[in-house]
Amino acid sequence: MANDKDPLLGALGICRKAGKLLHGYDRVEEAVMRGKACLVLLACDASKRTTQQHMQDTCRGVIPCAVMPLKGEDLRMLTPKPAAVFAVTDENLAHLCAGYLKKASEGGFSQWLISNTKLRILQKILASAPKKVIETFAELTGETRKTGATFEENEVNALLEALTRETAVKDLG
């Protein structure tokens, strides 16, 4: 399959040339756990155990994970050894790949990636000022959460809005 016939394969080639494409289960899993991966992609012929039991459970709630419309054979040109699991480590390149995935599957994948971007911003804020995030959440909802708690998408949106508004007011003053 040539790159001009499948733009997703071309986008993955760009990721590889930029040094932003990881392959292989162990490397991808480590990148997900360390927060380095922006998008996990699985070959459509990857084993059920790999897709369902391992990668999707590893990625759930952390980063987007999707099955590509490409087989391992199609992806061989990207790696020295056969691989069924890939990770894109650059956010802009992940958006590029997600765009081609959306065209291929017509799912809500791009929306999921946008939500993930908001979550990554909140994670950076949490890392630098976790107490501030918890306090802001308590002010907004009246609920108390411990550091490391999970947030629903509407809660993430409300927190980002409140924290961004507060930062903007500080910048004006």
C-alpha atoms as a PDB file:
ATOM      1  CA  MET A   1       0.000   0.000   0.000  1.00  0.00           C
ATOM      2  CA  ALA A   2       1.556   3.277  -1.053  1.00  0.00           C
ATOM      3  CA  ASN A   3       1.438   6.436   1.035  1.00  0.00           C
ATOM      4  CA  ASP A   4      -0.544   8.279  -1.620  1.00  0.00           C
ATOM      5  CA  LYS A   5      -3.299   5.654  -1.386  1.00  0.00           C
ATOM      6  CA  ASP A   6      -3.550   5.830   2.394  1.00  0.00           C
ATOM      7  CA  PRO A   7      -2.901   9.247   3.939  1.00  0.00           C
ATOM      8  CA  LEU A   8      -2.788   7.762   7.458  1.00  0.00           C
ATOM      9  CA  LEU A   9       0.205   5.680   6.453  1.00  0.00           C
ATOM     10  CA  GLY A  10       1.820   8.829   5.043  1.00  0.00           C
ATOM     11  CA  ALA A  11       1.147  10.690   8.302  1.00  0.00           C
ATOM     12  CA  LEU A  12       2.724   7.841  10.273  1.00  0.00           C
ATOM     13  CA  GLY A  13       5.743   8.064   7.955  1.00  0.00           C
ATOM     14  CA  ILE A  14       6.062  11.758   8.808  1.00  0.00           C
ATOM     15  CA  CYS A  15       5.870  10.875  12.517  1.00  0.00           C
ATOM     16  CA  ARG A  16       8.615   8.274  12.060  1.00  0.00           C
ATOM     17  CA  LYS A  17      10.884  10.664  10.168  1.00  0.00           C
ATOM     18  CA  ALA A  18      10.357  13.293  12.879  1.00  0.00           C
ATOM     19  CA  GLY A  19      11.321  10.743  15.548  1.00  0.00           C
ATOM     20  CA  LYS A  20       7.863  10.964  17.119  1.00  0.00           C
ATOM     21  CA  LEU A  21       6.605   7.425  16.418  1.00  0.00           C
ATOM     22  CA  LEU A  22       7.183   4.584  18.866  1.00  0.00           C
ATOM     23  CA  HIS A  23       6.415   0.974  18.019  1.00  0.00           C
ATOM     24  CA  GLY A  24       6.148  -2.212  19.994  1.00  0.00           C
ATOM     25  CA  TYR A  25       4.004  -3.011  22.981  1.00  0.00           C
ATOM     26  CA  ASP A  26       6.607  -2.424  25.718  1.00  0.00           C
ATOM     27  CA  ARG A  27       7.882   0.927  24.391  1.00  0.00           C
ATOM     28  CA  VAL A  28       4.349   2.208  23.823  1.00  0.00           C
ATOM     29  CA  GLU A  29       3.121   1.071  27.235  1.00  0.00           C
ATOM     30  CA  GLU A  30       6.069   2.802  28.923  1.00  0.00           C
ATOM     31  CA  ALA A  31       5.401   6.015  26.977  1.00  0.00           C
ATOM     32  CA  VAL A  32       1.741   5.943  28.023  1.00  0.00           C
ATOM     33  CA  MET A  33       2.639   5.398  31.677  1.00  0.00           C
ATOM     34  CA  ARG A  34       5.170   8.259  31.607  1.00  0.00           C
ATOM     35  CA  GLY A  35       2.738  10.624  29.881  1.00  0.00           C
ATOM     36  CA  LYS A  36       4.901  10.897  26.753  1.00  0.00           C
ATOM     37  CA  ALA A  37       2.412   9.393  24.270  1.00  0.00           C
ATOM     38  CA  CYS A  38      -0.333  11.549  22.752  1.00  0.00           C
ATOM     39  CA  LEU A  39      -2.055   8.876  20.682  1.00  0.00           C
ATOM     40  CA  VAL A  40      -1.893   5.082  20.591  1.00  0.00           C
ATOM     41  CA  LEU A  41      -2.684   3.274  17.355  1.00  0.00           C
ATOM     42  CA  LEU A  42      -3.188  -0.436  16.848  1.00  0.00           C
ATOM     43  CA  ALA A  43      -3.003  -2.396  13.608  1.00  0.00           C
ATOM     44  CA  CYS A  44      -6.389  -3.828  12.637  1.00  0.00           C
ATOM     45  CA  ASP A  45      -4.939  -7.342  12.663  1.00  0.00           C
ATOM     46  CA  ALA A  46      -3.415  -7.030  16.151  1.00  0.00           C
ATOM     47  CA  SER A  47      -4.396  -9.842  18.476  1.00  0.00           C
ATOM     48  CA  LYS A  48      -7.499  -9.439  20.633  1.00  0.00           C
ATOM     49  CA  ARG A  49      -5.367  -9.853  23.728  1.00  0.00           C
ATOM     50  CA  THR A  50      -3.150  -6.951  22.680  1.00  0.00           C
ATOM     51  CA  THR A  51      -5.997  -4.643  21.708  1.00  0.00           C
ATOM     52  CA  GLN A  52      -8.586  -5.348  24.372  1.00  0.00           C
ATOM     53  CA  GLN A  53      -6.760  -6.664  27.399  1.00  0.00           C
ATOM     54  CA  HIS A  54      -3.595  -4.653  27.242  1.00  0.00           C
ATOM     55  CA  MET A  55      -3.449  -1.450  25.254  1.00  0.00           C
ATOM     56  CA  GLN A  56      -7.033  -0.243  25.571  1.00  0.00           C
ATOM     57  CA  ASP A  57      -6.969  -0.914  29.328  1.00  0.00           C
ATOM     58  CA  THR A  58      -3.600   0.849  29.608  1.00  0.00           C
ATOM     59  CA  CYS A  59      -4.865   3.859  27.660  1.00  0.00           C
ATOM     60  CA  ARG A  60      -8.376   4.098  29.125  1.00  0.00           C
ATOM     61  CA  GLY A  61      -8.857   7.530  30.643  1.00  0.00           C
ATOM     62  CA  VAL A  62      -5.266   8.532  29.884  1.00  0.00           C
ATOM     63  CA  ILE A  63      -4.884   8.972  26.135  1.00  0.00           C
ATOM     64  CA  PRO A  64      -6.816   8.052  22.985  1.00  0.00           C
ATOM     65  CA  CYS A  65      -6.306   4.549  21.644  1.00  0.00           C
ATOM     66  CA  ALA A  66      -7.724   3.508  18.280  1.00  0.00           C
ATOM     67  CA  VAL A  67      -7.557   0.643  15.845  1.00  0.00           C
ATOM     68  CA  MET A  68      -6.252   1.756  12.448  1.00  0.00           C
ATOM     69  CA  PRO A  69      -7.673   0.543   9.152  1.00  0.00           C
ATOM     70  CA  LEU A  70      -4.145  -0.725   8.377  1.00  0.00           C
ATOM     71  CA  LYS A  71      -2.733  -4.217   8.814  1.00  0.00           C
ATOM     72  CA  GLY A  72       0.668  -5.059  10.231  1.00  0.00           C
ATOM     73  CA  GLU A  73       1.800  -5.880   6.697  1.00  0.00           C
ATOM     74  CA  ASP A  74       0.903  -2.338   5.584  1.00  0.00           C
ATOM     75  CA  LEU A  75       2.924  -0.897   8.475  1.00  0.00           C
ATOM     76  CA  ARG A  76       6.096  -2.954   7.912  1.00  0.00           C
ATOM     77  CA  MET A  77       7.771  -0.117   6.027  1.00  0.00           C
ATOM     78  CA  LEU A  78       7.687   1.990   9.201  1.00  0.00           C
ATOM     79  CA  THR A  79       9.557  -0.399  11.487  1.00  0.00           C
ATOM     80  CA  PRO A  80      12.599  -2.669  11.310  1.00  0.00           C
ATOM     81  CA  LYS A  81      10.569  -5.470  12.963  1.00  0.00           C
ATOM     82  CA  PRO A  82       6.860  -6.231  12.619  1.00  0.00           C
ATOM     83  CA  ALA A  83       4.749  -4.291  15.130  1.00  0.00           C
ATOM     84  CA  ALA A  84       1.040  -3.917  15.814  1.00  0.00           C
ATOM     85  CA  VAL A  85       1.183  -1.205  18.489  1.00  0.00           C
ATOM     86  CA  PHE A  86       2.273   2.380  17.779  1.00  0.00           C
ATOM     87  CA  ALA A  87       2.352   5.653  19.718  1.00  0.00           C
ATOM     88  CA  VAL A  88       2.647   9.195  18.423  1.00  0.00           C
ATOM     89  CA  THR A  89       4.533  11.382  20.901  1.00  0.00           C
ATOM     90  CA  ASP A  90       3.859  14.804  19.382  1.00  0.00           C
ATOM     91  CA  GLU A  91       0.462  16.443  19.916  1.00  0.00           C
ATOM     92  CA  ASN A  92       0.315  18.157  16.508  1.00  0.00           C
ATOM     93  CA  LEU A  93       1.245  14.970  14.676  1.00  0.00           C
ATOM     94  CA  ALA A  94      -1.316  13.085  16.780  1.00  0.00           C
ATOM     95  CA  HIS A  95      -3.976  15.543  15.575  1.00  0.00           C
ATOM     96  CA  LEU A  96      -2.840  14.931  11.990  1.00  0.00           C
ATOM     97  CA  CYS A  97      -3.172  11.161  12.389  1.00  0.00           C
ATOM     98  CA  ALA A  98      -6.494  11.535  14.211  1.00  0.00           C
ATOM     99  CA  GLY A  99      -7.846  13.573  11.314  1.00  0.00           C
ATOM    100  CA  TYR A 100      -7.076  10.747   8.907  1.00  0.00           C
ATOM    101  CA  LEU A 101      -8.493   8.217  11.346  1.00  0.00           C
ATOM    102  CA  LYS A 102     -11.711  10.204  11.571  1.00  0.00           C
ATOM    103  CA  LYS A 103     -12.000  10.270   7.791  1.00  0.00           C
ATOM    104  CA  ALA A 104     -11.436   6.509   7.702  1.00  0.00           C
ATOM    105  CA  SER A 105     -13.886   5.650  10.491  1.00  0.00           C
ATOM    106  CA  GLU A 106     -16.212   8.684  10.676  1.00  0.00           C
ATOM    107  CA  GLY A 107     -16.275   8.299  14.459  1.00  0.00           C
ATOM    108  CA  GLY A 108     -15.999  10.825  17.240  1.00  0.00           C
ATOM    109  CA  PHE A 109     -12.257  10.311  17.507  1.00  0.00           C
ATOM    110  CA  SER A 110     -11.226  13.923  16.930  1.00  0.00           C
ATOM    111  CA  GLN A 111     -13.561  15.071  19.722  1.00  0.00           C
ATOM    112  CA  TRP A 112     -11.940  12.511  21.999  1.00  0.00           C
ATOM    113  CA  LEU A 113      -8.513  13.912  21.122  1.00  0.00           C
ATOM    114  CA  ILE A 114      -9.676  17.476  21.871  1.00  0.00           C
ATOM    115  CA  SER A 115     -10.953  16.327  25.271  1.00  0.00           C
ATOM    116  CA  ASN A 116      -7.636  14.612  25.839  1.00  0.00           C
ATOM    117  CA  THR A 117      -5.787  17.852  25.066  1.00  0.00           C
ATOM    118  CA  LYS A 118      -7.813  19.631  27.737  1.00  0.00           C
ATOM    119  CA  LEU A 119      -7.023  16.815  30.153  1.00  0.00           C
ATOM    120  CA  ARG A 120      -3.288  17.118  29.410  1.00  0.00           C
ATOM    121  CA  ILE A 121      -3.423  20.858  30.141  1.00  0.00           C
ATOM    122  CA  LEU A 122      -5.171  20.135  33.421  1.00  0.00           C
ATOM    123  CA  GLN A 123      -2.572  17.457  34.218  1.00  0.00           C
ATOM    124  CA  LYS A 124       0.193  20.062  33.783  1.00  0.00           C
ATOM    125  CA  ILE A 125      -1.672  22.409  36.118  1.00  0.00           C
ATOM    126  CA  LEU A 126      -2.209  19.556  38.573  1.00  0.00           C
ATOM    127  CA  ALA A 127       1.496  18.747  38.532  1.00  0.00           C
ATOM    128  CA  SER A 128       2.487  22.320  39.313  1.00  0.00           C
ATOM    129  CA  ALA A 129      -0.320  23.248  41.747  1.00  0.00           C
ATOM    130  CA  PRO A 130      -2.431  20.227  42.741  1.00  0.00           C
ATOM    131  CA  LYS A 131      -3.906  21.884  45.832  1.00  0.00           C
ATOM    132  CA  LYS A 132      -5.110  24.841  43.730  1.00  0.00           C
ATOM    133  CA  VAL A 133      -6.992  22.509  41.377  1.00  0.00           C
ATOM    134  CA  ILE A 134      -8.620  20.627  44.261  1.00  0.00           C
ATOM    135  CA  GLU A 135      -9.562  23.909  45.975  1.00  0.00           C
ATOM    136  CA  THR A 136     -11.013  25.321  42.749  1.00  0.00           C
ATOM    137  CA  PHE A 137     -13.015  22.133  42.214  1.00  0.00           C
ATOM    138  CA  ALA A 138     -14.377  22.364  45.756  1.00  0.00           C
ATOM    139  CA  GLU A 139     -15.392  26.002  45.179  1.00  0.00           C
ATOM    140  CA  LEU A 140     -17.157  25.123  41.924  1.00  0.00           C
ATOM    141  CA  THR A 141     -19.001  21.997  43.049  1.00  0.00           C
ATOM    142  CA  GLY A 142     -18.972  21.906  46.816  1.00  0.00           C
ATOM    143  CA  GLU A 143     -17.376  18.433  46.612  1.00  0.00           C
ATOM    144  CA  THR A 144     -13.963  17.561  47.965  1.00  0.00           C
ATOM    145  CA  ARG A 145     -11.589  15.352  46.025  1.00  0.00           C
ATOM    146  CA  LYS A 146      -8.187  14.008  46.876  1.00  0.00           C
ATOM    147  CA  THR A 147      -5.118  14.703  44.769  1.00  0.00           C
ATOM    148  CA  GLY A 148      -4.994  12.097  42.005  1.00  0.00           C
ATOM    149  CA  ALA A 149      -8.774  11.849  41.732  1.00  0.00           C
ATOM    150  CA  THR A 150     -10.400  11.396  38.344  1.00  0.00           C
ATOM    151  CA  PHE A 151     -12.609  14.052  36.765  1.00  0.00           C
ATOM    152  CA  GLU A 152     -15.475  13.787  34.302  1.00  0.00           C
ATOM    153  CA  GLU A 153     -15.259  15.761  31.037  1.00  0.00           C
ATOM    154  CA  ASN A 154     -17.711  18.445  32.208  1.00  0.00           C
ATOM    155  CA  GLU A 155     -15.691  18.826  35.418  1.00  0.00           C
ATOM    156  CA  VAL A 156     -12.458  19.180  33.414  1.00  0.00           C
ATOM    157  CA  ASN A 157     -14.082  21.880  31.250  1.00  0.00           C
ATOM    158  CA  ALA A 158     -15.324  23.792  34.303  1.00  0.00           C
ATOM    159  CA  LEU A 159     -11.929  23.558  36.017  1.00  0.00           C
ATOM    160  CA  LEU A 160     -10.066  24.741  32.924  1.00  0.00           C
ATOM    161  CA  GLU A 161     -12.438  27.663  32.502  1.00  0.00           C
ATOM    162  CA  ALA A 162     -12.129  28.705  36.154  1.00  0.00           C
ATOM    163  CA  LEU A 163      -8.338  28.311  36.282  1.00  0.00           C
ATOM    164  CA  THR A 164      -7.879  30.113  32.954  1.00  0.00           C
ATOM    165  CA  ARG A 165     -10.134  32.971  34.053  1.00  0.00           C
ATOM    166  CA  GLU A 166      -8.181  33.307  37.305  1.00  0.00           C
ATOM    167  CA  THR A 167      -4.849  33.368  35.433  1.00  0.00           C
ATOM    168  CA  ALA A 168      -6.167  36.011  33.008  1.00  0.00           C
ATOM    169  CA  VAL A 169      -7.283  38.237  35.896  1.00  0.00           C
ATOM    170  CA  LYS A 170      -3.828  37.922  37.517  1.00  0.00           C
ATOM    171  CA  ASP A 171      -2.166  38.852  34.210  1.00  0.00           C
ATOM    172  CA  LEU A 172      -4.300  42.007  33.945  1.00  0.00           C
ATOM    173  CA  GLY A 173      -3.510  43.117  37.497  1.00  0.00           C
END
